[in-house]
Structure formats: C-alpha cells, structure tokens
Amino acid sequence: MKDLRYTETNSADDSEGRTWGLEGNLFWFLVGGVFASVILLLMLYSMWRWDFAEATAAASIPLILSLIYVFGIRHGRPPGHDRDLLDLWLHGRGFGPETHTHTQSDFYE
C-alpha cells in the first residue's frame, strides 16, 4: 500500500445548475424576454399612444422569440446545439456523401 499515490480529485458533476427547471443560464433568456416585452409595452402604450391591444400584441414578440429559443432550441439539447443549428441554416449541410434521386430518364440513357 505504500506504493499507491494519493491524489485529490474533483468528482463533482459539471452541471451549471437549474433554475425553475431550466438548465444553466436559460432562465436569464426568459427574464430578458419579459423585460424587453414590458419595456416595449410601456413605450408603445404611453409614449406613442398605441391602442392597448395593439401594443400588447407587438410587445409580446420579444417574449415569444425568447420562449421559442429557450424551449424550442436550447432546453434539453446538448451544449452547442443552437450554434450547430444556426450553422446548418446559414451554410447548409457539411460534407458527406451526395444523394442522387433517380429519375425515369436516368434509366433510359
């Protein structure tokens, strides 16, 4: 037993924690969406005198976008999934085998 080395290790998991059931810092995206919606609602309704229903509809856009981002793209997905999805949308699929669909004219050539 003398030959064994004793080394302290950190065996804790690398979790960023949870807030309201959301992983990591996703809570702050929702807080930002709510904050942007409230500020936009106040500006549209009080400063620019929009109708309250129209102002509420327009001000709900930041909240809806943050909800789509958090629950549709980030929550429950692996880290970096949102960046990979954005790269797929901007640049298309990466390299790989090309698929060719055969048409009827391919068989008669």
C-alpha atoms as a PDB file:
ATOM      1  CA  MET A   1       0.000   0.000   0.000  1.00  0.00           C
ATOM      2  CA  LYS A   2       2.972   2.323   0.306  1.00  0.00           C
ATOM      3  CA  ASP A   3       3.382   2.469  -3.465  1.00  0.00           C
ATOM      4  CA  LEU A   4      -0.068   3.972  -4.099  1.00  0.00           C
ATOM      5  CA  ARG A   5      -0.191   7.711  -4.681  1.00  0.00           C
ATOM      6  CA  TYR A   6      -2.966   9.716  -3.104  1.00  0.00           C
ATOM      7  CA  THR A   7      -4.340  12.430  -5.369  1.00  0.00           C
ATOM      8  CA  GLU A   8      -7.262  14.694  -4.572  1.00  0.00           C
ATOM      9  CA  THR A   9      -9.794  14.827  -7.374  1.00  0.00           C
ATOM     10  CA  ASN A  10     -12.946  16.758  -8.001  1.00  0.00           C
ATOM     11  CA  SER A  11     -15.562  14.112  -8.623  1.00  0.00           C
ATOM     12  CA  ALA A  12     -18.470  16.548  -8.784  1.00  0.00           C
ATOM     13  CA  ASP A  13     -20.530  16.797 -11.939  1.00  0.00           C
ATOM     14  CA  ASP A  14     -20.062  19.745 -14.263  1.00  0.00           C
ATOM     15  CA  SER A  15     -23.650  20.927 -14.100  1.00  0.00           C
ATOM     16  CA  GLU A  16     -24.334  24.628 -14.360  1.00  0.00           C
ATOM     17  CA  GLY A  17     -27.364  24.181 -12.096  1.00  0.00           C
ATOM     18  CA  ARG A  18     -31.068  24.607 -12.624  1.00  0.00           C
ATOM     19  CA  THR A  19     -33.464  27.491 -12.098  1.00  0.00           C
ATOM     20  CA  TRP A  20     -37.200  26.841 -12.368  1.00  0.00           C
ATOM     21  CA  GLY A  21     -36.413  23.575 -14.115  1.00  0.00           C
ATOM     22  CA  LEU A  22     -34.317  25.262 -16.806  1.00  0.00           C
ATOM     23  CA  GLU A  23     -30.727  24.177 -17.317  1.00  0.00           C
ATOM     24  CA  GLY A  24     -27.811  26.537 -16.888  1.00  0.00           C
ATOM     25  CA  ASN A  25     -28.418  30.164 -17.673  1.00  0.00           C
ATOM     26  CA  LEU A  26     -31.567  29.718 -19.772  1.00  0.00           C
ATOM     27  CA  PHE A  27     -33.504  31.460 -17.015  1.00  0.00           C
ATOM     28  CA  TRP A  28     -31.843  34.743 -17.985  1.00  0.00           C
ATOM     29  CA  PHE A  29     -33.069  34.498 -21.574  1.00  0.00           C
ATOM     30  CA  LEU A  30     -36.630  34.329 -20.276  1.00  0.00           C
ATOM     31  CA  VAL A  31     -36.029  37.230 -17.890  1.00  0.00           C
ATOM     32  CA  GLY A  32     -34.606  39.257 -20.792  1.00  0.00           C
ATOM     33  CA  GLY A  33     -37.620  38.451 -22.961  1.00  0.00           C
ATOM     34  CA  VAL A  34     -40.039  39.507 -20.229  1.00  0.00           C
ATOM     35  CA  PHE A  35     -38.063  42.691 -19.562  1.00  0.00           C
ATOM     36  CA  ALA A  36     -37.932  43.632 -23.257  1.00  0.00           C
ATOM     37  CA  SER A  37     -41.666  42.960 -23.622  1.00  0.00           C
ATOM     38  CA  VAL A  38     -42.603  45.117 -20.635  1.00  0.00           C
ATOM     39  CA  ILE A  39     -40.379  47.997 -21.732  1.00  0.00           C
ATOM     40  CA  LEU A  40     -41.727  47.810 -25.286  1.00  0.00           C
ATOM     41  CA  LEU A  41     -45.316  47.701 -23.990  1.00  0.00           C
ATOM     42  CA  LEU A  42     -44.737  50.779 -21.841  1.00  0.00           C
ATOM     43  CA  MET A  43     -43.116  52.672 -24.694  1.00  0.00           C
ATOM     44  CA  LEU A  44     -45.782  51.797 -27.261  1.00  0.00           C
ATOM     45  CA  TYR A  45     -48.749  52.425 -24.962  1.00  0.00           C
ATOM     46  CA  SER A  46     -47.659  55.504 -23.056  1.00  0.00           C
ATOM     47  CA  MET A  47     -45.148  57.284 -25.290  1.00  0.00           C
ATOM     48  CA  TRP A  48     -46.547  56.623 -28.742  1.00  0.00           C
ATOM     49  CA  ARG A  49     -50.226  56.288 -27.708  1.00  0.00           C
ATOM     50  CA  TRP A  50     -50.940  52.964 -29.368  1.00  0.00           C
ATOM     51  CA  ASP A  51     -54.128  51.106 -28.536  1.00  0.00           C
ATOM     52  CA  PHE A  52     -53.523  48.750 -25.591  1.00  0.00           C
ATOM     53  CA  ALA A  53     -54.412  45.592 -27.550  1.00  0.00           C
ATOM     54  CA  GLU A  54     -52.093  46.551 -30.422  1.00  0.00           C
ATOM     55  CA  ALA A  55     -49.299  47.470 -28.017  1.00  0.00           C
ATOM     56  CA  THR A  56     -49.692  44.179 -26.167  1.00  0.00           C
ATOM     57  CA  ALA A  57     -49.604  42.202 -29.405  1.00  0.00           C
ATOM     58  CA  ALA A  58     -46.471  43.988 -30.609  1.00  0.00           C
ATOM     59  CA  ALA A  59     -44.775  43.807 -27.206  1.00  0.00           C
ATOM     60  CA  SER A  60     -45.325  40.057 -26.954  1.00  0.00           C
ATOM     61  CA  ILE A  61     -42.914  39.435 -29.851  1.00  0.00           C
ATOM     62  CA  PRO A  62     -39.684  39.526 -27.738  1.00  0.00           C
ATOM     63  CA  LEU A  63     -41.230  37.185 -25.164  1.00  0.00           C
ATOM     64  CA  ILE A  64     -42.405  34.749 -27.847  1.00  0.00           C
ATOM     65  CA  LEU A  65     -38.981  34.762 -29.507  1.00  0.00           C
ATOM     66  CA  SER A  66     -37.219  34.078 -26.200  1.00  0.00           C
ATOM     67  CA  LEU A  67     -39.647  31.238 -25.434  1.00  0.00           C
ATOM     68  CA  ILE A  68     -39.016  29.695 -28.853  1.00  0.00           C
ATOM     69  CA  TYR A  69     -35.263  29.978 -28.334  1.00  0.00           C
ATOM     70  CA  VAL A  70     -35.280  28.511 -24.838  1.00  0.00           C
ATOM     71  CA  PHE A  71     -37.807  25.698 -25.212  1.00  0.00           C
ATOM     72  CA  GLY A  72     -37.502  25.004 -28.934  1.00  0.00           C
ATOM     73  CA  ILE A  73     -33.753  25.165 -29.424  1.00  0.00           C
ATOM     74  CA  ARG A  74     -31.820  25.059 -26.140  1.00  0.00           C
ATOM     75  CA  HIS A  75     -33.669  23.272 -23.324  1.00  0.00           C
ATOM     76  CA  GLY A  76     -32.887  19.560 -23.146  1.00  0.00           C
ATOM     77  CA  ARG A  77     -30.399  19.707 -26.010  1.00  0.00           C
ATOM     78  CA  PRO A  78     -26.630  19.131 -25.896  1.00  0.00           C
ATOM     79  CA  PRO A  79     -24.318  22.127 -25.446  1.00  0.00           C
ATOM     80  CA  GLY A  80     -23.688  23.976 -28.704  1.00  0.00           C
ATOM     81  CA  HIS A  81     -26.873  22.718 -30.363  1.00  0.00           C
ATOM     82  CA  ASP A  82     -28.051  26.262 -31.085  1.00  0.00           C
ATOM     83  CA  ARG A  83     -24.769  27.193 -32.769  1.00  0.00           C
ATOM     84  CA  ASP A  84     -24.801  23.995 -34.830  1.00  0.00           C
ATOM     85  CA  LEU A  85     -28.363  24.676 -35.911  1.00  0.00           C
ATOM     86  CA  LEU A  86     -27.506  28.247 -36.910  1.00  0.00           C
ATOM     87  CA  ASP A  87     -24.514  26.988 -38.892  1.00  0.00           C
ATOM     88  CA  LEU A  88     -26.755  24.455 -40.639  1.00  0.00           C
ATOM     89  CA  TRP A  89     -29.267  27.177 -41.565  1.00  0.00           C
ATOM     90  CA  LEU A  90     -26.578  29.555 -42.852  1.00  0.00           C
ATOM     91  CA  HIS A  91     -24.228  27.174 -44.650  1.00  0.00           C
ATOM     92  CA  GLY A  92     -26.304  24.075 -45.305  1.00  0.00           C
ATOM     93  CA  ARG A  93     -25.143  20.569 -44.646  1.00  0.00           C
ATOM     94  CA  GLY A  94     -21.467  19.881 -44.314  1.00  0.00           C
ATOM     95  CA  PHE A  95     -19.507  17.430 -46.343  1.00  0.00           C
ATOM     96  CA  GLY A  96     -20.779  13.928 -46.819  1.00  0.00           C
ATOM     97  CA  PRO A  97     -21.960  11.528 -49.458  1.00  0.00           C
ATOM     98  CA  GLU A  98     -24.205  13.082 -52.049  1.00  0.00           C
ATOM     99  CA  THR A  99     -27.573  11.516 -52.509  1.00  0.00           C
ATOM    100  CA  HIS A 100     -28.891  11.218 -56.027  1.00  0.00           C
ATOM    101  CA  THR A 101     -32.528  10.581 -56.702  1.00  0.00           C
ATOM    102  CA  HIS A 102     -33.065   8.591 -59.833  1.00  0.00           C
ATOM    103  CA  THR A 103     -35.482   9.890 -62.404  1.00  0.00           C
ATOM    104  CA  GLN A 104     -37.046   7.904 -65.192  1.00  0.00           C
ATOM    105  CA  SER A 105     -34.718   9.497 -67.754  1.00  0.00           C
ATOM    106  CA  ASP A 106     -31.679   8.121 -65.863  1.00  0.00           C
ATOM    107  CA  PHE A 107     -32.729   4.575 -66.672  1.00  0.00           C
ATOM    108  CA  TYR A 108     -33.136   5.146 -70.428  1.00  0.00           C
ATOM    109  CA  GLU A 109     -29.786   6.776 -71.133  1.00  0.00           C
END
